[in-house]
Protein backbone atom coordinates (compact mmCIF):
# COMPACT_ATOMS: atom_id res chain seq x y z
CA MET A 1 0.05 0.16 -0.05
CA ASN A 2 1.39 3.59 -0.75
CA LYS A 3 2.01 6.27 1.74
CA ILE A 4 -1.05 8.26 0.52
CA ALA A 5 -3.44 5.18 0.80
CA GLU A 6 -1.98 4.34 4.44
CA PHE A 7 -2.32 8.20 5.46
CA ILE A 8 -5.94 8.43 4.20
CA LYS A 9 -7.00 5.03 6.00
CA ARG A 10 -5.24 5.97 9.29
CA GLU A 11 -6.54 9.66 9.48
CA ARG A 12 -10.00 8.52 8.45
CA LYS A 13 -10.04 5.88 11.26
CA LYS A 14 -8.56 8.32 14.02
CA ALA A 15 -11.52 10.64 12.72
CA GLY A 16 -14.13 7.74 13.59
CA LEU A 17 -15.23 7.86 9.95
CA THR A 18 -16.46 4.71 7.91
CA GLN A 19 -15.54 4.84 4.12
CA GLU A 20 -19.22 6.07 3.38
CA GLU A 21 -19.03 8.84 5.81
CA PHE A 22 -15.95 10.05 4.41
CA ALA A 23 -16.67 9.68 0.84
CA LEU A 24 -19.72 11.91 1.70
CA ARG A 25 -17.94 14.78 3.86
CA ALA A 26 -15.29 15.17 1.11
CA GLY A 27 -17.60 14.85 -1.78
CA LEU A 28 -16.07 11.61 -3.05
CA GLY A 29 -17.83 8.26 -4.49
CA LEU A 30 -17.38 5.54 -2.05
CA ARG A 31 -15.72 3.40 -4.92
CA PHE A 32 -13.15 6.12 -5.23
CA VAL A 33 -12.50 6.18 -1.50
CA ARG A 34 -12.09 2.43 -1.43
CA GLU A 35 -9.86 2.05 -4.43
CA LEU A 36 -7.60 4.99 -2.90
CA GLU A 37 -7.24 3.20 0.36
CA GLN A 38 -6.35 0.05 -1.42
CA GLY A 39 -3.67 2.02 -3.04
CA LYS A 40 -4.91 2.00 -6.63
CA SER A 41 -2.11 3.15 -8.80
CA THR A 42 -4.34 4.82 -11.17
CA VAL A 43 -6.63 7.51 -9.33
CA ARG A 44 -7.07 11.04 -10.46
CA LEU A 45 -4.73 13.54 -8.49
CA ASP A 46 -7.45 15.92 -7.97
CA LYS A 47 -9.61 13.59 -5.93
CA VAL A 48 -6.53 12.68 -4.13
CA ASN A 49 -6.24 16.20 -3.18
CA GLN A 50 -9.96 16.50 -2.45
CA ALA A 51 -9.44 13.38 0.11
CA LEU A 52 -6.16 14.75 1.50
CA SER A 53 -7.64 18.39 1.87
CA MET A 54 -10.00 16.76 4.72
CA PHE A 55 -6.83 16.62 6.56
CA GLY A 56 -5.05 19.68 5.86
CA MET A 57 -2.78 18.16 3.38
CA GLU A 58 -2.08 18.26 -0.33
CA ALA A 59 0.00 15.94 -2.87
CA VAL A 60 2.49 17.92 -4.44
CA PRO A 61 5.29 17.00 -7.02
CA GLY A 62 8.66 15.84 -5.47
CA PRO A 63 11.42 13.48 -5.79
CA ILE A 64 10.88 9.78 -6.20
CA ASP A 65 12.45 7.83 -3.62
CA ARG A 66 13.82 4.96 -5.67
CA GLU A 67 14.72 2.74 -2.89
CA GLU A 68 11.24 2.83 -1.66
CA LEU A 69 9.97 1.95 -5.11
CA LEU A 70 11.91 -0.78 -5.50
CA LEU A 71 10.65 -2.07 -2.15
CA ASP A 72 7.12 -1.52 -3.41
CA ASP A 73 7.61 -3.58 -6.14
CA TRP A 74 8.26 -6.67 -4.14
């Protein structure tokens, strides 16, 4: 699971929200939230940022951690 997926799931649970409640409050579809938390690699960045904004965060371009990428492939 990728870092964003882990973060969203952890913070949603900390907030005491089900996936359904989180999707409704964030203005996202339940299917999207489920796929995001499962680490689906092809999700729309605007929707990812919509979800992250619930926790005061935003995904921004940055350097790739190559070592982490290699570990995620195993």
